[in-house]
Amino acid sequence: MLLFSLINRLTIVAHFDLALPPSEISVRALLAGVEPDISNGAMGALLEYQSSVISGALGQPGIAALALSLIADAEALYDLKTHPVRRLRCV
């Protein structure tokens, strides 16, 4: 539960208060190089959750670009043969 609260706060503050570009807000970018490596499935689930955090604010400036960036990051993680349903959710 704490992890989800942190992702909520990180996403909202990074976009609305700090005006960071979408590439710096993505959980995938933030956790790059963290040891031990996070599995693609877990990282994708975090990205999908991060996308759901912003879904209620799609009318706000810059949110559409952030949503597309998060979806592209999740899609890049999901191999069509290994995770076809998860990949379909991102398309």
N, C-alpha and C. Protein backbone atom coordinates (compact mmCIF):
# COMPACT_ATOMS: atom_id res chain seq x y z
N MET A 1 0.82 -1.19 0.00
CA MET A 1 0.00 0.00 0.00
C MET A 1 0.87 1.26 0.00
N LEU A 2 1.96 1.21 0.73
CA LEU A 2 2.86 2.36 0.79
C LEU A 2 3.47 2.64 -0.58
N LEU A 3 3.79 1.58 -1.31
CA LEU A 3 4.38 1.76 -2.64
C LEU A 3 3.41 2.50 -3.55
N PHE A 4 2.14 2.14 -3.51
CA PHE A 4 1.15 2.80 -4.36
C PHE A 4 0.97 4.27 -3.96
N SER A 5 1.00 4.54 -2.68
CA SER A 5 0.91 5.93 -2.22
C SER A 5 2.10 6.75 -2.72
N LEU A 6 3.27 6.15 -2.69
CA LEU A 6 4.47 6.84 -3.19
C LEU A 6 4.38 7.10 -4.69
N ILE A 7 3.88 6.12 -5.43
CA ILE A 7 3.73 6.30 -6.88
C ILE A 7 2.71 7.39 -7.17
N ASN A 8 1.61 7.41 -6.43
CA ASN A 8 0.62 8.49 -6.60
C ASN A 8 1.27 9.85 -6.40
N ARG A 9 1.91 10.01 -5.27
CA ARG A 9 2.51 11.30 -4.94
C ARG A 9 3.60 11.68 -5.94
N LEU A 10 4.47 10.74 -6.27
CA LEU A 10 5.55 11.00 -7.22
C LEU A 10 5.00 11.48 -8.56
N THR A 11 4.00 10.79 -9.05
CA THR A 11 3.44 11.12 -10.36
C THR A 11 2.81 12.51 -10.36
N ILE A 12 2.00 12.78 -9.36
CA ILE A 12 1.28 14.06 -9.32
C ILE A 12 2.24 15.22 -9.07
N VAL A 13 3.13 15.08 -8.12
CA VAL A 13 4.07 16.17 -7.82
C VAL A 13 5.03 16.40 -8.98
N ALA A 14 5.54 15.31 -9.55
CA ALA A 14 6.50 15.45 -10.66
C ALA A 14 5.88 16.15 -11.86
N HIS A 15 4.61 15.86 -12.13
CA HIS A 15 3.98 16.48 -13.30
C HIS A 15 3.46 17.88 -13.01
N PHE A 16 2.62 18.01 -11.98
CA PHE A 16 1.94 19.27 -11.75
C PHE A 16 2.79 20.31 -11.03
N ASP A 17 3.59 19.90 -10.07
CA ASP A 17 4.37 20.87 -9.29
C ASP A 17 5.76 21.12 -9.86
N LEU A 18 6.44 20.06 -10.27
CA LEU A 18 7.80 20.21 -10.77
C LEU A 18 7.88 20.36 -12.29
N ALA A 19 6.79 20.05 -12.98
CA ALA A 19 6.71 20.15 -14.45
C ALA A 19 7.83 19.38 -15.13
N LEU A 20 8.13 18.19 -14.62
CA LEU A 20 9.15 17.35 -15.24
C LEU A 20 8.63 16.78 -16.55
N PRO A 21 9.53 16.50 -17.50
CA PRO A 21 9.08 15.88 -18.74
C PRO A 21 8.64 14.44 -18.48
N PRO A 22 7.75 13.90 -19.32
CA PRO A 22 7.23 12.55 -19.11
C PRO A 22 8.33 11.48 -18.97
N SER A 23 9.42 11.65 -19.69
CA SER A 23 10.49 10.64 -19.62
C SER A 23 11.13 10.55 -18.25
N GLU A 24 11.00 11.60 -17.44
CA GLU A 24 11.58 11.58 -16.10
C GLU A 24 10.57 11.20 -15.02
N ILE A 25 9.31 11.10 -15.39
CA ILE A 25 8.26 10.77 -14.42
C ILE A 25 8.00 9.26 -14.38
N SER A 26 8.26 8.59 -15.46
CA SER A 26 8.00 7.17 -15.56
C SER A 26 8.73 6.38 -14.47
N VAL A 27 8.01 5.43 -13.86
CA VAL A 27 8.61 4.56 -12.86
C VAL A 27 9.78 3.78 -13.46
N ARG A 28 9.66 3.44 -14.73
CA ARG A 28 10.73 2.70 -15.40
C ARG A 28 12.02 3.51 -15.43
N ALA A 29 11.93 4.79 -15.71
CA ALA A 29 13.12 5.65 -15.74
C ALA A 29 13.67 5.85 -14.34
N LEU A 30 12.79 5.98 -13.37
CA LEU A 30 13.23 6.21 -11.99
C LEU A 30 13.94 5.00 -11.39
N LEU A 31 13.52 3.81 -11.79
CA LEU A 31 14.09 2.59 -11.22
C LEU A 31 15.15 1.94 -12.10
N ALA A 32 15.53 2.62 -13.17
CA ALA A 32 16.57 2.07 -14.05
C ALA A 32 17.88 1.94 -13.27
N GLY A 33 18.48 0.79 -13.36
CA GLY A 33 19.76 0.57 -12.70
C GLY A 33 19.67 0.18 -11.24
N VAL A 34 18.44 0.05 -10.72
CA VAL A 34 18.27 -0.34 -9.32
C VAL A 34 18.58 -1.83 -9.20
N GLU A 35 19.31 -2.18 -8.20
CA GLU A 35 19.63 -3.59 -7.94
C GLU A 35 18.81 -4.08 -6.77
N PRO A 36 18.25 -5.24 -6.77
CA PRO A 36 18.23 -6.17 -7.89
C PRO A 36 17.25 -5.70 -8.96
N ASP A 37 17.47 -6.18 -10.16
CA ASP A 37 16.59 -5.79 -11.26
C ASP A 37 15.15 -6.19 -10.97
N ILE A 38 14.25 -5.36 -11.41
CA ILE A 38 12.82 -5.64 -11.26
C ILE A 38 12.36 -6.36 -12.51
N SER A 39 11.59 -7.41 -12.35
CA SER A 39 11.12 -8.18 -13.51
C SER A 39 10.25 -7.30 -14.41
N ASN A 40 10.19 -7.68 -15.67
CA ASN A 40 9.37 -6.93 -16.62
C ASN A 40 7.90 -6.92 -16.21
N GLY A 41 7.43 -8.05 -15.68
CA GLY A 41 6.04 -8.12 -15.26
C GLY A 41 5.74 -7.16 -14.12
N ALA A 42 6.63 -7.10 -13.13
CA ALA A 42 6.44 -6.20 -12.00
C ALA A 42 6.55 -4.75 -12.44
N MET A 43 7.54 -4.45 -13.28
CA MET A 43 7.72 -3.08 -13.76
C MET A 43 6.50 -2.66 -14.58
N GLY A 44 6.01 -3.54 -15.42
CA GLY A 44 4.82 -3.24 -16.21
C GLY A 44 3.61 -2.97 -15.34
N ALA A 45 3.45 -3.76 -14.28
CA ALA A 45 2.33 -3.54 -13.36
C ALA A 45 2.44 -2.17 -12.70
N LEU A 46 3.65 -1.77 -12.32
CA LEU A 46 3.84 -0.44 -11.73
C LEU A 46 3.52 0.66 -12.74
N LEU A 47 3.92 0.47 -13.99
CA LEU A 47 3.62 1.46 -15.03
C LEU A 47 2.12 1.53 -15.30
N GLU A 48 1.46 0.39 -15.30
CA GLU A 48 0.01 0.39 -15.50
C GLU A 48 -0.69 1.10 -14.35
N TYR A 49 -0.21 0.88 -13.14
CA TYR A 49 -0.79 1.58 -12.00
C TYR A 49 -0.53 3.08 -12.12
N GLN A 50 0.68 3.45 -12.52
CA GLN A 50 1.01 4.87 -12.67
C GLN A 50 0.11 5.50 -13.74
N SER A 51 -0.20 4.76 -14.78
CA SER A 51 -1.11 5.26 -15.82
C SER A 51 -2.51 5.47 -15.26
N SER A 52 -2.93 4.55 -14.38
CA SER A 52 -4.27 4.69 -13.80
C SER A 52 -4.35 5.90 -12.87
N VAL A 53 -3.23 6.28 -12.27
CA VAL A 53 -3.20 7.45 -11.38
C VAL A 53 -3.59 8.71 -12.15
N ILE A 54 -3.11 8.83 -13.37
CA ILE A 54 -3.35 10.05 -14.15
C ILE A 54 -4.60 9.99 -15.00
N SER A 55 -5.26 8.83 -15.05
CA SER A 55 -6.41 8.67 -15.95
C SER A 55 -7.54 9.65 -15.65
N GLY A 56 -7.69 10.06 -14.41
CA GLY A 56 -8.75 11.01 -14.06
C GLY A 56 -8.45 12.44 -14.45
N ALA A 57 -7.22 12.70 -14.86
CA ALA A 57 -6.82 14.07 -15.19
C ALA A 57 -6.46 14.23 -16.66
N LEU A 58 -7.00 13.37 -17.52
CA LEU A 58 -6.61 13.40 -18.93
C LEU A 58 -6.90 14.73 -19.62
N GLY A 59 -7.80 15.52 -19.11
CA GLY A 59 -8.10 16.81 -19.71
C GLY A 59 -7.09 17.90 -19.34
N GLN A 60 -6.23 17.63 -18.39
CA GLN A 60 -5.24 18.62 -17.94
C GLN A 60 -4.10 18.75 -18.96
N PRO A 61 -3.48 19.92 -19.04
CA PRO A 61 -2.37 20.10 -19.99
C PRO A 61 -1.21 19.16 -19.70
N GLY A 62 -0.73 18.51 -20.74
CA GLY A 62 0.44 17.67 -20.64
C GLY A 62 0.18 16.24 -20.17
N ILE A 63 -1.03 15.96 -19.69
CA ILE A 63 -1.32 14.62 -19.18
C ILE A 63 -1.38 13.60 -20.32
N ALA A 64 -1.90 14.00 -21.47
CA ALA A 64 -1.97 13.07 -22.60
C ALA A 64 -0.57 12.62 -23.01
N ALA A 65 0.37 13.54 -23.05
CA ALA A 65 1.76 13.18 -23.40
C ALA A 65 2.36 12.24 -22.36
N LEU A 66 2.07 12.50 -21.09
CA LEU A 66 2.56 11.63 -20.02
C LEU A 66 1.94 10.24 -20.14
N ALA A 67 0.64 10.18 -20.41
CA ALA A 67 -0.03 8.89 -20.57
C ALA A 67 0.56 8.10 -21.72
N LEU A 68 0.80 8.75 -22.84
CA LEU A 68 1.40 8.07 -23.99
C LEU A 68 2.80 7.56 -23.67
N SER A 69 3.56 8.33 -22.93
CA SER A 69 4.91 7.93 -22.54
C SER A 69 4.88 6.71 -21.63
N LEU A 70 3.97 6.70 -20.65
CA LEU A 70 3.85 5.56 -19.74
C LEU A 70 3.39 4.31 -20.48
N ILE A 71 2.46 4.47 -21.38
CA ILE A 71 1.96 3.33 -22.16
C ILE A 71 3.08 2.78 -23.06
N ALA A 72 3.86 3.66 -23.66
CA ALA A 72 4.97 3.21 -24.51
C ALA A 72 6.00 2.44 -23.69
N ASP A 73 6.28 2.92 -22.47
CA ASP A 73 7.22 2.21 -21.60
C ASP A 73 6.70 0.82 -21.25
N ALA A 74 5.42 0.72 -20.91
CA ALA A 74 4.84 -0.58 -20.56
C ALA A 74 4.82 -1.51 -21.77
N GLU A 75 4.47 -0.98 -22.92
CA GLU A 75 4.42 -1.78 -24.13
C GLU A 75 5.80 -2.34 -24.49
N ALA A 76 6.83 -1.55 -24.25
CA ALA A 76 8.20 -1.99 -24.55
C ALA A 76 8.63 -3.15 -23.66
N LEU A 77 8.03 -3.27 -22.48
CA LEU A 77 8.38 -4.35 -21.56
C LEU A 77 7.71 -5.67 -21.89
N TYR A 78 6.53 -5.60 -22.48
CA TYR A 78 5.72 -6.79 -22.69
C TYR A 78 5.99 -7.40 -24.06
N ASP A 79 6.62 -8.55 -24.06
CA ASP A 79 6.85 -9.31 -25.29
C ASP A 79 5.53 -9.92 -25.74
N LEU A 80 5.27 -9.90 -27.02
CA LEU A 80 4.00 -10.39 -27.55
C LEU A 80 3.79 -11.87 -27.24
N LYS A 81 4.86 -12.66 -27.27
CA LYS A 81 4.72 -14.10 -27.01
C LYS A 81 4.58 -14.42 -25.53
N THR A 82 5.23 -13.64 -24.68
CA THR A 82 5.23 -13.92 -23.26
C THR A 82 4.03 -13.31 -22.54
N HIS A 83 3.68 -12.08 -22.87
CA HIS A 83 2.60 -11.36 -22.18
C HIS A 83 1.62 -10.75 -23.19
N PRO A 84 0.92 -11.59 -23.97
CA PRO A 84 0.04 -11.02 -25.00
C PRO A 84 -1.12 -10.19 -24.45
N VAL A 85 -1.70 -10.61 -23.33
CA VAL A 85 -2.85 -9.88 -22.77
C VAL A 85 -2.39 -8.55 -22.19
N ARG A 86 -1.28 -8.56 -21.47
CA ARG A 86 -0.77 -7.31 -20.91
C ARG A 86 -0.40 -6.34 -22.02
N ARG A 87 0.22 -6.84 -23.07
CA ARG A 87 0.58 -5.97 -24.19
C ARG A 87 -0.66 -5.38 -24.85
N LEU A 88 -1.69 -6.20 -24.96
CA LEU A 88 -2.94 -5.73 -25.57
C LEU A 88 -3.56 -4.59 -24.75
N ARG A 89 -3.44 -4.67 -23.42
CA ARG A 89 -3.97 -3.59 -22.58
C ARG A 89 -3.27 -2.26 -22.85
N CYS A 90 -2.03 -2.31 -23.32
CA CYS A 90 -1.25 -1.09 -23.55
C CYS A 90 -1.51 -0.50 -24.93
N VAL A 91 -1.98 -1.30 -25.84
CA VAL A 91 -2.13 -0.84 -27.22
C VAL A 91 -3.39 -0.03 -27.38
